[in-house]
Amino acid sequence: MDYLYVAFGSACGGMLRYWLGAVVAARWGDALPWGTMLINISGSLAIGLLFGAFGQTRAYAVWVQPLLLVGMLGGFTTFSAFSLQTLQLLQSANMGGACANVLLSVVLGLAAAAGGFWLGKFVAP
């Protein structure tokens, strides 16, 4: 049954990623992969929040981890796209853009995950 939860969550997360990426690109352009950065940072915040709230205990339904953590957030976050876009920035000789993409995505993503984990401890059952 876990595979169905993961599949459904992945489909939802992938559709959300596609929609949000398109909205952000239409609004702010593609000088930097702003959509991917927003998705990675918000996905990091969400996974930290959920893991902080529920990851340390089995006080949640057994479907929470496969549906939300593995499926939805796995389908939503885009580190494979992040890698490709960073490579494309490097190939277009945009070293500053590539470095900014890596630094902002990684540092803010880690900070968001830590902040989400900390916040999650306050909402834990």
PDB file of N, CA and C in Angstrom:
ATOM      1  N   MET A   1       0.814  -1.195   0.000  1.00  0.00           N
ATOM      2  CA  MET A   1       0.000   0.000   0.000  1.00  0.00           C
ATOM      3  C   MET A   1       0.862   1.265   0.000  1.00  0.00           C
ATOM      4  N   ASP A   2       2.041   1.197   0.627  1.00  0.00           N
ATOM      5  CA  ASP A   2       2.926   2.361   0.654  1.00  0.00           C
ATOM      6  C   ASP A   2       3.248   2.862  -0.749  1.00  0.00           C
ATOM      7  N   TYR A   3       3.399   1.950  -1.703  1.00  0.00           N
ATOM      8  CA  TYR A   3       3.728   2.357  -3.067  1.00  0.00           C
ATOM      9  C   TYR A   3       2.627   3.219  -3.678  1.00  0.00           C
ATOM     10  N   LEU A   4       1.399   2.934  -3.347  1.00  0.00           N
ATOM     11  CA  LEU A   4       0.293   3.754  -3.845  1.00  0.00           C
ATOM     12  C   LEU A   4       0.324   5.141  -3.216  1.00  0.00           C
ATOM     13  N   TYR A   5       0.621   5.202  -1.933  1.00  0.00           N
ATOM     14  CA  TYR A   5       0.750   6.502  -1.273  1.00  0.00           C
ATOM     15  C   TYR A   5       1.881   7.321  -1.904  1.00  0.00           C
ATOM     16  N   VAL A   6       3.020   6.670  -2.132  1.00  0.00           N
ATOM     17  CA  VAL A   6       4.156   7.362  -2.750  1.00  0.00           C
ATOM     18  C   VAL A   6       3.800   7.821  -4.160  1.00  0.00           C
ATOM     19  N   ALA A   7       3.162   6.953  -4.928  1.00  0.00           N
ATOM     20  CA  ALA A   7       2.800   7.302  -6.307  1.00  0.00           C
ATOM     21  C   ALA A   7       1.832   8.486  -6.346  1.00  0.00           C
ATOM     22  N   PHE A   8       0.813   8.445  -5.510  1.00  0.00           N
ATOM     23  CA  PHE A   8      -0.156   9.533  -5.480  1.00  0.00           C
ATOM     24  C   PHE A   8       0.496  10.833  -5.015  1.00  0.00           C
ATOM     25  N   GLY A   9       1.286  10.751  -3.939  1.00  0.00           N
ATOM     26  CA  GLY A   9       1.980  11.937  -3.440  1.00  0.00           C
ATOM     27  C   GLY A   9       2.949  12.508  -4.458  1.00  0.00           C
ATOM     28  N   SER A  10       3.664  11.638  -5.162  1.00  0.00           N
ATOM     29  CA  SER A  10       4.610  12.093  -6.189  1.00  0.00           C
ATOM     30  C   SER A  10       3.894  12.806  -7.323  1.00  0.00           C
ATOM     31  N   ALA A  11       2.766  12.253  -7.738  1.00  0.00           N
ATOM     32  CA  ALA A  11       1.995  12.899  -8.808  1.00  0.00           C
ATOM     33  C   ALA A  11       1.532  14.291  -8.382  1.00  0.00           C
ATOM     34  N   CYS A  12       1.027  14.394  -7.171  1.00  0.00           N
ATOM     35  CA  CYS A  12       0.578  15.702  -6.669  1.00  0.00           C
ATOM     36  C   CYS A  12       1.746  16.674  -6.534  1.00  0.00           C
ATOM     37  N   GLY A  13       2.856  16.203  -5.969  1.00  0.00           N
ATOM     38  CA  GLY A  13       4.029  17.062  -5.802  1.00  0.00           C
ATOM     39  C   GLY A  13       4.610  17.504  -7.137  1.00  0.00           C
ATOM     40  N   GLY A  14       4.652  16.604  -8.108  1.00  0.00           N
ATOM     41  CA  GLY A  14       5.163  16.951  -9.434  1.00  0.00           C
ATOM     42  C   GLY A  14       4.289  17.982 -10.132  1.00  0.00           C
ATOM     43  N   MET A  15       2.978  17.825 -10.022  1.00  0.00           N
ATOM     44  CA  MET A  15       2.078  18.810 -10.629  1.00  0.00           C
ATOM     45  C   MET A  15       2.215  20.165  -9.954  1.00  0.00           C
ATOM     46  N   LEU A  16       2.347  20.164  -8.639  1.00  0.00           N
ATOM     47  CA  LEU A  16       2.531  21.415  -7.909  1.00  0.00           C
ATOM     48  C   LEU A  16       3.842  22.086  -8.302  1.00  0.00           C
ATOM     49  N   ARG A  17       4.905  21.286  -8.423  1.00  0.00           N
ATOM     50  CA  ARG A  17       6.199  21.824  -8.852  1.00  0.00           C
ATOM     51  C   ARG A  17       6.102  22.451 -10.233  1.00  0.00           C
ATOM     52  N   TYR A  18       5.455  21.764 -11.157  1.00  0.00           N
ATOM     53  CA  TYR A  18       5.322  22.265 -12.530  1.00  0.00           C
ATOM     54  C   TYR A  18       4.559  23.584 -12.553  1.00  0.00           C
ATOM     55  N   TRP A  19       3.446  23.631 -11.833  1.00  0.00           N
ATOM     56  CA  TRP A  19       2.629  24.836 -11.797  1.00  0.00           C
ATOM     57  C   TRP A  19       3.378  26.003 -11.165  1.00  0.00           C
ATOM     58  N   LEU A  20       3.970  25.771  -9.992  1.00  0.00           N
ATOM     59  CA  LEU A  20       4.661  26.848  -9.288  1.00  0.00           C
ATOM     60  C   LEU A  20       5.870  27.344 -10.085  1.00  0.00           C
ATOM     61  N   GLY A  21       6.619  26.430 -10.697  1.00  0.00           N
ATOM     62  CA  GLY A  21       7.759  26.824 -11.527  1.00  0.00           C
ATOM     63  C   GLY A  21       7.330  27.708 -12.688  1.00  0.00           C
ATOM     64  N   ALA A  22       6.211  27.372 -13.323  1.00  0.00           N
ATOM     65  CA  ALA A  22       5.710  28.177 -14.444  1.00  0.00           C
ATOM     66  C   ALA A  22       5.256  29.553 -13.985  1.00  0.00           C
ATOM     67  N   VAL A  23       4.573  29.609 -12.851  1.00  0.00           N
ATOM     68  CA  VAL A  23       4.100  30.893 -12.320  1.00  0.00           C
ATOM     69  C   VAL A  23       5.282  31.805 -11.987  1.00  0.00           C
ATOM     70  N   VAL A  24       6.270  31.266 -11.327  1.00  0.00           N
ATOM     71  CA  VAL A  24       7.436  32.072 -10.937  1.00  0.00           C
ATOM     72  C   VAL A  24       8.220  32.512 -12.170  1.00  0.00           C
ATOM     73  N   ALA A  25       8.421  31.626 -13.132  1.00  0.00           N
ATOM     74  CA  ALA A  25       9.154  31.989 -14.354  1.00  0.00           C
ATOM     75  C   ALA A  25       8.424  33.078 -15.128  1.00  0.00           C
ATOM     76  N   ALA A  26       7.099  32.994 -15.191  1.00  0.00           N
ATOM     77  CA  ALA A  26       6.322  34.015 -15.899  1.00  0.00           C
ATOM     78  C   ALA A  26       6.426  35.362 -15.195  1.00  0.00           C
ATOM     79  N   ARG A  27       6.557  35.332 -13.888  1.00  0.00           N
ATOM     80  CA  ARG A  27       6.599  36.575 -13.112  1.00  0.00           C
ATOM     81  C   ARG A  27       7.989  37.198 -13.056  1.00  0.00           C
ATOM     82  N   TRP A  28       9.016  36.378 -12.832  1.00  0.00           N
ATOM     83  CA  TRP A  28      10.363  36.907 -12.604  1.00  0.00           C
ATOM     84  C   TRP A  28      11.370  36.551 -13.690  1.00  0.00           C
ATOM     85  N   GLY A  29      10.971  35.832 -14.716  1.00  0.00           N
ATOM     86  CA  GLY A  29      11.886  35.506 -15.796  1.00  0.00           C
ATOM     87  C   GLY A  29      12.807  34.358 -15.439  1.00  0.00           C
ATOM     88  N   ASP A  30      13.826  34.171 -16.277  1.00  0.00           N
ATOM     89  CA  ASP A  30      14.708  33.024 -16.092  1.00  0.00           C
ATOM     90  C   ASP A  30      16.188  33.393 -16.062  1.00  0.00           C
ATOM     91  N   ALA A  31      16.497  34.622 -15.625  1.00  0.00           N
ATOM     92  CA  ALA A  31      17.899  35.003 -15.465  1.00  0.00           C
ATOM     93  C   ALA A  31      18.573  34.094 -14.445  1.00  0.00           C
ATOM     94  N   LEU A  32      17.846  33.742 -13.424  1.00  0.00           N
ATOM     95  CA  LEU A  32      18.223  32.712 -12.451  1.00  0.00           C
ATOM     96  C   LEU A  32      17.024  31.782 -12.325  1.00  0.00           C
ATOM     97  N   PRO A  33      17.241  30.540 -11.960  1.00  0.00           N
ATOM     98  CA  PRO A  33      16.110  29.615 -11.798  1.00  0.00           C
ATOM     99  C   PRO A  33      15.355  29.866 -10.492  1.00  0.00           C
ATOM    100  N   TRP A  34      14.673  31.013 -10.429  1.00  0.00           N
ATOM    101  CA  TRP A  34      13.971  31.418  -9.216  1.00  0.00           C
ATOM    102  C   TRP A  34      12.927  30.397  -8.784  1.00  0.00           C
ATOM    103  N   GLY A  35      12.204  29.831  -9.741  1.00  0.00           N
ATOM    104  CA  GLY A  35      11.185  28.841  -9.401  1.00  0.00           C
ATOM    105  C   GLY A  35      11.786  27.629  -8.714  1.00  0.00           C
ATOM    106  N   THR A  36      12.885  27.140  -9.254  1.00  0.00           N
ATOM    107  CA  THR A  36      13.544  25.979  -8.660  1.00  0.00           C
ATOM    108  C   THR A  36      14.054  26.309  -7.266  1.00  0.00           C
ATOM    109  N   MET A  37      14.624  27.503  -7.101  1.00  0.00           N
ATOM    110  CA  MET A  37      15.093  27.893  -5.769  1.00  0.00           C
ATOM    111  C   MET A  37      13.934  27.964  -4.781  1.00  0.00           C
ATOM    112  N   LEU A  38      12.834  28.592  -5.182  1.00  0.00           N
ATOM    113  CA  LEU A  38      11.672  28.693  -4.303  1.00  0.00           C
ATOM    114  C   LEU A  38      11.144  27.308  -3.940  1.00  0.00           C
ATOM    115  N   ILE A  39      11.067  26.431  -4.916  1.00  0.00           N
ATOM    116  CA  ILE A  39      10.565  25.078  -4.679  1.00  0.00           C
ATOM    117  C   ILE A  39      11.499  24.312  -3.749  1.00  0.00           C
ATOM    118  N   ASN A  40      12.802  24.380  -3.992  1.00  0.00           N
ATOM    119  CA  ASN A  40      13.745  23.670  -3.128  1.00  0.00           C
ATOM    120  C   ASN A  40      13.719  24.203  -1.698  1.00  0.00           C
ATOM    121  N   ILE A  41      13.646  25.505  -1.537  1.00  0.00           N
ATOM    122  CA  ILE A  41      13.652  26.093  -0.202  1.00  0.00           C
ATOM    123  C   ILE A  41      12.337  25.803   0.523  1.00  0.00           C
ATOM    124  N   SER A  42      11.211  25.973  -0.158  1.00  0.00           N
ATOM    125  CA  SER A  42       9.932  25.688   0.501  1.00  0.00           C
ATOM    126  C   SER A  42       9.767  24.192   0.756  1.00  0.00           C
ATOM    127  N   GLY A  43      10.281  23.356  -0.153  1.00  0.00           N
ATOM    128  CA  GLY A  43      10.250  21.912   0.082  1.00  0.00           C
ATOM    129  C   GLY A  43      11.124  21.517   1.257  1.00  0.00           C
ATOM    130  N   SER A  44      12.259  22.163   1.394  1.00  0.00           N
ATOM    131  CA  SER A  44      13.138  21.906   2.539  1.00  0.00           C
ATOM    132  C   SER A  44      12.473  22.332   3.843  1.00  0.00           C
ATOM    133  N   LEU A  45      11.808  23.479   3.809  1.00  0.00           N
ATOM    134  CA  LEU A  45      11.075  23.933   4.992  1.00  0.00           C
ATOM    135  C   LEU A  45       9.976  22.924   5.353  1.00  0.00           C
ATOM    136  N   ALA A  46       9.222  22.499   4.356  1.00  0.00           N
ATOM    137  CA  ALA A  46       8.111  21.576   4.609  1.00  0.00           C
ATOM    138  C   ALA A  46       8.600  20.236   5.147  1.00  0.00           C
ATOM    139  N   ILE A  47       9.674  19.693   4.556  1.00  0.00           N
ATOM    140  CA  ILE A  47      10.157  18.393   5.025  1.00  0.00           C
ATOM    141  C   ILE A  47      10.743  18.505   6.430  1.00  0.00           C
ATOM    142  N   GLY A  48      11.407  19.623   6.735  1.00  0.00           N
ATOM    143  CA  GLY A  48      11.905  19.839   8.094  1.00  0.00           C
ATOM    144  C   GLY A  48      10.770  19.969   9.086  1.00  0.00           C
ATOM    145  N   LEU A  49       9.741  20.715   8.693  1.00  0.00           N
ATOM    146  CA  LEU A  49       8.579  20.900   9.552  1.00  0.00           C
ATOM    147  C   LEU A  49       7.887  19.566   9.841  1.00  0.00           C
ATOM    148  N   LEU A  50       7.621  18.789   8.790  1.00  0.00           N
ATOM    149  CA  LEU A  50       6.945  17.501   8.981  1.00  0.00           C
ATOM    150  C   LEU A  50       7.807  16.512   9.752  1.00  0.00           C
ATOM    151  N   PHE A  51       9.088  16.465   9.434  1.00  0.00           N
ATOM    152  CA  PHE A  51       9.964  15.542  10.149  1.00  0.00           C
ATOM    153  C   PHE A  51      10.121  15.966  11.600  1.00  0.00           C
ATOM    154  N   GLY A  52      10.236  17.280  11.817  1.00  0.00           N
ATOM    155  CA  GLY A  52      10.331  17.781  13.193  1.00  0.00           C
ATOM    156  C   GLY A  52       9.088  17.466  13.998  1.00  0.00           C
ATOM    157  N   ALA A  53       7.933  17.567  13.354  1.00  0.00           N
ATOM    158  CA  ALA A  53       6.677  17.332  14.059  1.00  0.00           C
ATOM    159  C   ALA A  53       6.363  15.851  14.226  1.00  0.00           C
ATOM    160  N   PHE A  54       6.657  15.040  13.209  1.00  0.00           N
ATOM    161  CA  PHE A  54       6.193  13.662  13.210  1.00  0.00           C
ATOM    162  C   PHE A  54       7.278  12.613  13.021  1.00  0.00           C
ATOM    163  N   GLY A  55       8.460  13.022  12.601  1.00  0.00           N
ATOM    164  CA  GLY A  55       9.485  12.053  12.250  1.00  0.00           C
ATOM    165  C   GLY A  55      10.094  11.302  13.410  1.00  0.00           C
ATOM    166  N   GLN A  56       9.986  11.841  14.597  1.00  0.00           N
ATOM    167  CA  GLN A  56      10.605  11.231  15.764  1.00  0.00           C
ATOM    168  C   GLN A  56       9.678  10.245  16.473  1.00  0.00           C
ATOM    169  N   THR A  57       8.437  10.181  16.024  1.00  0.00           N
ATOM    170  CA  THR A  57       7.456   9.356  16.721  1.00  0.00           C
ATOM    171  C   THR A  57       6.550   8.659  15.716  1.00  0.00           C
ATOM    172  N   ARG A  58       5.882   7.636  16.144  1.00  0.00           N
ATOM    173  CA  ARG A  58       4.903   6.955  15.289  1.00  0.00           C
ATOM    174  C   ARG A  58       3.495   7.366  15.704  1.00  0.00           C
ATOM    175  N   ALA A  59       3.353   8.572  16.263  1.00  0.00           N
ATOM    176  CA  ALA A  59       2.056   9.051  16.718  1.00  0.00           C
ATOM    177  C   ALA A  59       1.202   9.542  15.551  1.00  0.00           C
ATOM    178  N   TYR A  60       1.646   9.370  14.333  1.00  0.00           N
ATOM    179  CA  TYR A  60       0.906   9.791  13.155  1.00  0.00           C
ATOM    180  C   TYR A  60       0.472   8.545  12.388  1.00  0.00           C
ATOM    181  N   ALA A  61      -0.460   8.736  11.477  1.00  0.00           N
ATOM    182  CA  ALA A  61      -0.926   7.617  10.661  1.00  0.00           C
ATOM    183  C   ALA A  61       0.228   7.071   9.818  1.00  0.00           C
ATOM    184  N   VAL A  62       0.207   5.782   9.558  1.00  0.00           N
ATOM    185  CA  VAL A  62       1.313   5.134   8.844  1.00  0.00           C
ATOM    186  C   VAL A  62       1.456   5.630   7.404  1.00  0.00           C
ATOM    187  N   TRP A  63       0.470   6.294   6.867  1.00  0.00           N
ATOM    188  CA  TRP A  63       0.548   6.781   5.497  1.00  0.00           C
ATOM    189  C   TRP A  63       1.232   8.143   5.380  1.00  0.00           C
ATOM    190  N   VAL A  64       1.466   8.840   6.501  1.00  0.00           N
ATOM    191  CA  VAL A  64       2.022  10.189   6.452  1.00  0.00           C
ATOM    192  C   VAL A  64       3.398  10.213   5.791  1.00  0.00           C
ATOM    193  N   GLN A  65       4.302   9.353   6.231  1.00  0.00           N
ATOM    194  CA  GLN A  65       5.644   9.385   5.669  1.00  0.00           C
ATOM    195  C   GLN A  65       5.674   9.020   4.187  1.00  0.00           C
ATOM    196  N   PRO A  66       5.081   7.899   3.748  1.00  0.00           N
ATOM    197  CA  PRO A  66       5.141   7.601   2.318  1.00  0.00           C
ATOM    198  C   PRO A  66       4.387   8.607   1.444  1.00  0.00           C
ATOM    199  N   LEU A  67       3.264   9.109   1.911  1.00  0.00           N
ATOM    200  CA  LEU A  67       2.486  10.039   1.093  1.00  0.00           C
ATOM    201  C   LEU A  67       3.117  11.426   1.043  1.00  0.00           C
ATOM    202  N   LEU A  68       3.425  11.985   2.209  1.00  0.00           N
ATOM    203  CA  LEU A  68       3.887  13.372   2.264  1.00  0.00           C
ATOM    204  C   LEU A  68       5.394  13.529   2.141  1.00  0.00           C
ATOM    205  N   LEU A  69       6.153  12.815   2.951  1.00  0.00           N
ATOM    206  CA  LEU A  69       7.608  13.006   2.944  1.00  0.00           C
ATOM    207  C   LEU A  69       8.252  12.432   1.693  1.00  0.00           C
ATOM    208  N   VAL A  70       7.978  11.182   1.401  1.00  0.00           N
ATOM    209  CA  VAL A  70       8.610  10.530   0.245  1.00  0.00           C
ATOM    210  C   VAL A  70       7.926  10.932  -1.054  1.00  0.00           C
ATOM    211  N   GLY A  71       6.596  10.809  -1.088  1.00  0.00           N
ATOM    212  CA  GLY A  71       5.860  11.049  -2.317  1.00  0.00           C
ATOM    213  C   GLY A  71       5.733  12.514  -2.688  1.00  0.00           C
ATOM    214  N   MET A  72       4.951  13.251  -1.935  1.00  0.00           N
ATOM    215  CA  MET A  72       4.643  14.628  -2.302  1.00  0.00           C
ATOM    216  C   MET A  72       5.883  15.515  -2.329  1.00  0.00           C
ATOM    217  N   LEU A  73       6.669  15.499  -1.252  1.00  0.00           N
ATOM    218  CA  LEU A  73       7.841  16.369  -1.227  1.00  0.00           C
ATOM    219  C   LEU A  73       8.941  15.858  -2.152  1.00  0.00           C
ATOM    220  N   GLY A  74       9.016  14.539  -2.335  1.00  0.00           N
ATOM    221  CA  GLY A  74       9.965  13.988  -3.302  1.00  0.00           C
ATOM    222  C   GLY A  74       9.612  14.384  -4.726  1.00  0.00           C
ATOM    223  N   GLY A  75       8.316  14.420  -5.026  1.00  0.00           N
ATOM    224  CA  GLY A  75       7.873  14.857  -6.340  1.00  0.00           C
ATOM    225  C   GLY A  75       7.943  16.367  -6.511  1.00  0.00           C
ATOM    226  N   PHE A  76       7.885  17.090  -5.414  1.00  0.00           N
ATOM    227  CA  PHE A  76       7.869  18.553  -5.455  1.00  0.00           C
ATOM    228  C   PHE A  76       9.262  19.156  -5.573  1.00  0.00           C
ATOM    229  N   THR A  77      10.205  18.681  -4.770  1.00  0.00           N
ATOM    230  CA  THR A  77      11.535  19.283  -4.789  1.00  0.00           C
ATOM    231  C   THR A  77      12.269  18.903  -6.059  1.00  0.00           C
ATOM    232  N   THR A  78      13.217  19.728  -6.435  1.00  0.00           N
ATOM    233  CA  THR A  78      13.769  19.633  -7.785  1.00  0.00           C
ATOM    234  C   THR A  78      15.288  19.730  -7.825  1.00  0.00           C
ATOM    235  N   PHE A  79      15.954  18.969  -7.008  1.00  0.00           N
ATOM    236  CA  PHE A  79      17.401  19.104  -7.027  1.00  0.00           C
ATOM    237  C   PHE A  79      18.033  18.559  -8.305  1.00  0.00           C
ATOM    238  N   SER A  80      17.343  17.686  -9.011  1.00  0.00           N
ATOM    239  CA  SER A  80      17.873  17.273 -10.313  1.00  0.00           C
ATOM    240  C   SER A  80      17.782  18.438 -11.297  1.00  0.00           C
ATOM    241  N   ALA A  81      16.679  19.172 -11.260  1.00  0.00           N
ATOM    242  CA  ALA A  81      16.556  20.364 -12.097  1.00  0.00           C
ATOM    243  C   ALA A  81      17.576  21.416 -11.674  1.00  0.00           C
ATOM    244  N   PHE A  82      17.788  21.538 -10.388  1.00  0.00           N
ATOM    245  CA  PHE A  82      18.791  22.456  -9.849  1.00  0.00           C
ATOM    246  C   PHE A  82      20.168  22.161 -10.447  1.00  0.00           C
ATOM    247  N   SER A  83      20.535  20.910 -10.479  1.00  0.00           N
ATOM    248  CA  SER A  83      21.844  20.530 -11.021  1.00  0.00           C
ATOM    249  C   SER A  83      21.953  20.866 -12.499  1.00  0.00           C
ATOM    250  N   LEU A  84      20.921  20.541 -13.258  1.00  0.00           N
ATOM    251  CA  LEU A  84      20.931  20.823 -14.692  1.00  0.00           C
ATOM    252  C   LEU A  84      20.988  22.324 -14.951  1.00  0.00           C
ATOM    253  N   GLN A  85      20.189  23.098 -14.220  1.00  0.00           N
ATOM    254  CA  GLN A  85      20.178  24.541 -14.439  1.00  0.00           C
ATOM    255  C   GLN A  85      21.497  25.191 -14.041  1.00  0.00           C
ATOM    256  N   THR A  86      22.133  24.678 -13.000  1.00  0.00           N
ATOM    257  CA  THR A  86      23.445  25.191 -12.620  1.00  0.00           C
ATOM    258  C   THR A  86      24.458  24.883 -13.712  1.00  0.00           C
ATOM    259  N   LEU A  87      24.410  23.678 -14.244  1.00  0.00           N
ATOM    260  CA  LEU A  87      25.284  23.308 -15.355  1.00  0.00           C
ATOM    261  C   LEU A  87      25.043  24.214 -16.565  1.00  0.00           C
ATOM    262  N   GLN A  88      23.782  24.502 -16.851  1.00  0.00           N
ATOM    263  CA  GLN A  88      23.465  25.380 -17.979  1.00  0.00           C
ATOM    264  C   GLN A  88      23.998  26.790 -17.754  1.00  0.00           C
ATOM    265  N   LEU A  89      23.905  27.283 -16.526  1.00  0.00           N
ATOM    266  CA  LEU A  89      24.476  28.593 -16.218  1.00  0.00           C
ATOM    267  C   LEU A  89      25.986  28.585 -16.421  1.00  0.00           C
ATOM    268  N   LEU A  90      26.646  27.508 -16.000  1.00  0.00           N
ATOM    269  CA  LEU A  90      28.088  27.391 -16.206  1.00  0.00           C
ATOM    270  C   LEU A  90      28.427  27.328 -17.683  1.00  0.00           C
ATOM    271  N   GLN A  91      27.651  26.565 -18.438  1.00  0.00           N
ATOM    272  CA  GLN A  91      27.904  26.426 -19.870  1.00  0.00           C
ATOM    273  C   GLN A  91      27.693  27.731 -20.619  1.00  0.00           C
ATOM    274  N   SER A  92      26.831  28.602 -20.092  1.00  0.00           N
ATOM    275  CA  SER A  92      26.616  29.902 -20.729  1.00  0.00           C
ATOM    276  C   SER A  92      27.569  30.957 -20.173  1.00  0.00           C
ATOM    277  N   ALA A  93      28.600  30.500 -19.460  1.00  0.00           N
ATOM    278  CA  ALA A  93      29.634  31.368 -18.886  1.00  0.00           C
ATOM    279  C   ALA A  93      29.072  32.343 -17.849  1.00  0.00           C
ATOM    280  N   ASN A  94      28.001  31.963 -17.186  1.00  0.00           N
ATOM    281  CA  ASN A  94      27.419  32.777 -16.126  1.00  0.00           C
ATOM    282  C   ASN A  94      27.866  32.210 -14.780  1.00  0.00           C
ATOM    283  N   MET A  95      29.161  32.365 -14.499  1.00  0.00           N
ATOM    284  CA  MET A  95      29.738  31.823 -13.270  1.00  0.00           C
ATOM    285  C   MET A  95      29.087  32.437 -12.032  1.00  0.00           C
ATOM    286  N   GLY A  96      28.818  33.743 -12.059  1.00  0.00           N
ATOM    287  CA  GLY A  96      28.183  34.396 -10.928  1.00  0.00           C
ATOM    288  C   GLY A  96      26.788  33.844 -10.670  1.00  0.00           C
ATOM    289  N   GLY A  97      26.025  33.651 -11.737  1.00  0.00           N
ATOM    290  CA  GLY A  97      24.684  33.082 -11.600  1.00  0.00           C
ATOM    291  C   GLY A  97      24.722  31.662 -11.084  1.00  0.00           C
ATOM    292  N   ALA A  98      25.676  30.863 -11.583  1.00  0.00           N
ATOM    293  CA  ALA A  98      25.811  29.476 -11.125  1.00  0.00           C
ATOM    294  C   ALA A  98      26.179  29.431  -9.647  1.00  0.00           C
ATOM    295  N   CYS A  99      27.122  30.261  -9.245  1.00  0.00           N
ATOM    296  CA  CYS A  99      27.528  30.290  -7.834  1.00  0.00           C
ATOM    297  C   CYS A  99      26.390  30.787  -6.945  1.00  0.00           C
ATOM    298  N   ALA A 100      25.672  31.821  -7.393  1.00  0.00           N
ATOM    299  CA  ALA A 100      24.538  32.330  -6.619  1.00  0.00           C
ATOM    300  C   ALA A 100      23.465  31.259  -6.486  1.00  0.00           C
ATOM    301  N   ASN A 101      23.194  30.518  -7.562  1.00  0.00           N
ATOM    302  CA  ASN A 101      22.188  29.460  -7.522  1.00  0.00           C
ATOM    303  C   ASN A 101      22.564  28.386  -6.511  1.00  0.00           C
ATOM    304  N   VAL A 102      23.813  27.946  -6.534  1.00  0.00           N
ATOM    305  CA  VAL A 102      24.261  26.902  -5.605  1.00  0.00           C
ATOM    306  C   VAL A 102      24.223  27.423  -4.171  1.00  0.00           C
ATOM    307  N   LEU A 103      24.799  28.578  -3.939  1.00  0.00           N
ATOM    308  CA  LEU A 103      24.885  29.125  -2.583  1.00  0.00           C
ATOM    309  C   LEU A 103      23.506  29.399  -1.992  1.00  0.00           C
ATOM    310  N   LEU A 104      22.661  30.103  -2.743  1.00  0.00           N
ATOM    311  CA  LEU A 104      21.338  30.431  -2.224  1.00  0.00           C
ATOM    312  C   LEU A 104      20.494  29.187  -1.991  1.00  0.00           C
ATOM    313  N   SER A 105      20.500  28.256  -2.943  1.00  0.00           N
ATOM    314  CA  SER A 105      19.680  27.050  -2.805  1.00  0.00           C
ATOM    315  C   SER A 105      20.118  26.187  -1.630  1.00  0.00           C
ATOM    316  N   VAL A 106      21.417  25.968  -1.510  1.00  0.00           N
ATOM    317  CA  VAL A 106      21.910  25.068  -0.470  1.00  0.00           C
ATOM    318  C   VAL A 106      21.812  25.716   0.914  1.00  0.00           C
ATOM    319  N   VAL A 107      22.321  26.919   1.056  1.00  0.00           N
ATOM    320  CA  VAL A 107      22.331  27.563   2.373  1.00  0.00           C
ATOM    321  C   VAL A 107      20.915  27.849   2.857  1.00  0.00           C
ATOM    322  N   LEU A 108      20.076  28.447   1.990  1.00  0.00           N
ATOM    323  CA  LEU A 108      18.710  28.753   2.412  1.00  0.00           C
ATOM    324  C   LEU A 108      17.883  27.479   2.590  1.00  0.00           C
ATOM    325  N   GLY A 109      18.140  26.452   1.785  1.00  0.00           N
ATOM    326  CA  GLY A 109      17.445  25.180   1.950  1.00  0.00           C
ATOM    327  C   GLY A 109      17.765  24.523   3.279  1.00  0.00           C
ATOM    328  N   LEU A 110      19.036  24.515   3.639  1.00  0.00           N
ATOM    329  CA  LEU A 110      19.425  23.957   4.941  1.00  0.00           C
ATOM    330  C   LEU A 110      18.851  24.776   6.090  1.00  0.00           C
ATOM    331  N   ALA A 111      18.891  26.095   5.942  1.00  0.00           N
ATOM    332  CA  ALA A 111      18.327  26.954   6.986  1.00  0.00           C
ATOM    333  C   ALA A 111      16.820  26.743   7.102  1.00  0.00           C
ATOM    334  N   ALA A 112      16.132  26.583   5.969  1.00  0.00           N
ATOM    335  CA  ALA A 112      14.689  26.346   5.991  1.00  0.00           C
ATOM    336  C   ALA A 112      14.366  25.003   6.634  1.00  0.00           C
ATOM    337  N   ALA A 113      15.137  23.965   6.312  1.00  0.00           N
ATOM    338  CA  ALA A 113      14.909  22.648   6.922  1.00  0.00           C
ATOM    339  C   ALA A 113      15.116  22.718   8.432  1.00  0.00           C
ATOM    340  N   ALA A 114      16.167  23.403   8.865  1.00  0.00           N
ATOM    341  CA  ALA A 114      16.422  23.544  10.302  1.00  0.00           C
ATOM    342  C   ALA A 114      15.311  24.347  10.968  1.00  0.00           C
ATOM    343  N   GLY A 115      14.888  25.430  10.326  1.00  0.00           N
ATOM    344  CA  GLY A 115      13.797  26.229  10.872  1.00  0.00           C
ATOM    345  C   GLY A 115      12.494  25.458  10.915  1.00  0.00           C
ATOM    346  N   GLY A 116      12.219  24.694   9.866  1.00  0.00           N
ATOM    347  CA  GLY A 116      11.012  23.867   9.848  1.00  0.00           C
ATOM    348  C   GLY A 116      11.042  22.803  10.921  1.00  0.00           C
ATOM    349  N   PHE A 117      12.198  22.203  11.110  1.00  0.00           N
ATOM    350  CA  PHE A 117      12.352  21.188  12.163  1.00  0.00           C
ATOM    351  C   PHE A 117      12.086  21.812  13.529  1.00  0.00           C
ATOM    352  N   TRP A 118      12.657  22.985  13.764  1.00  0.00           N
ATOM    353  CA  TRP A 118      12.467  23.688  15.029  1.00  0.00           C
ATOM    354  C   TRP A 118      10.984  24.041  15.226  1.00  0.00           C
ATOM    355  N   LEU A 119      10.335  24.594  14.173  1.00  0.00           N
ATOM    356  CA  LEU A 119       8.913  24.920  14.265  1.00  0.00           C
ATOM    357  C   LEU A 119       8.063  23.677  14.457  1.00  0.00           C
ATOM    358  N   GLY A 120       8.450  22.589  13.799  1.00  0.00           N
ATOM    359  CA  GLY A 120       7.699  21.345  13.906  1.00  0.00           C
ATOM    360  C   GLY A 120       7.619  20.806  15.313  1.00  0.00           C
ATOM    361  N   LYS A 121       8.629  21.063  16.095  1.00  0.00           N
ATOM    362  CA  LYS A 121       8.625  20.604  17.481  1.00  0.00           C
ATOM    363  C   LYS A 121       7.524  21.259  18.302  1.00  0.00           C
ATOM    364  N   PHE A 122       7.069  22.440  17.865  1.00  0.00           N
ATOM    365  CA  PHE A 122       6.006  23.135  18.571  1.00  0.00           C
ATOM    366  C   PHE A 122       4.620  22.645  18.194  1.00  0.00           C
ATOM    367  N   VAL A 123       4.499  21.982  17.039  1.00  0.00           N
ATOM    368  CA  VAL A 123       3.186  21.515  16.609  1.00  0.00           C
ATOM    369  C   VAL A 123       3.047  20.004  16.779  1.00  0.00           C
ATOM    370  N   ALA A 124       4.076  19.361  17.285  1.00  0.00           N
ATOM    371  CA  ALA A 124       4.043  17.905  17.471  1.00  0.00           C
ATOM    372  C   ALA A 124       2.944  17.534  18.466  1.00  0.00           C
ATOM    373  N   PRO A 125       2.338  16.377  18.214  1.00  0.00           N
ATOM    374  CA  PRO A 125       1.259  15.933  19.117  1.00  0.00           C
ATOM    375  C   PRO A 125       1.755  15.620  20.515  1.00  0.00           C
TER     376      PRO A 125
END
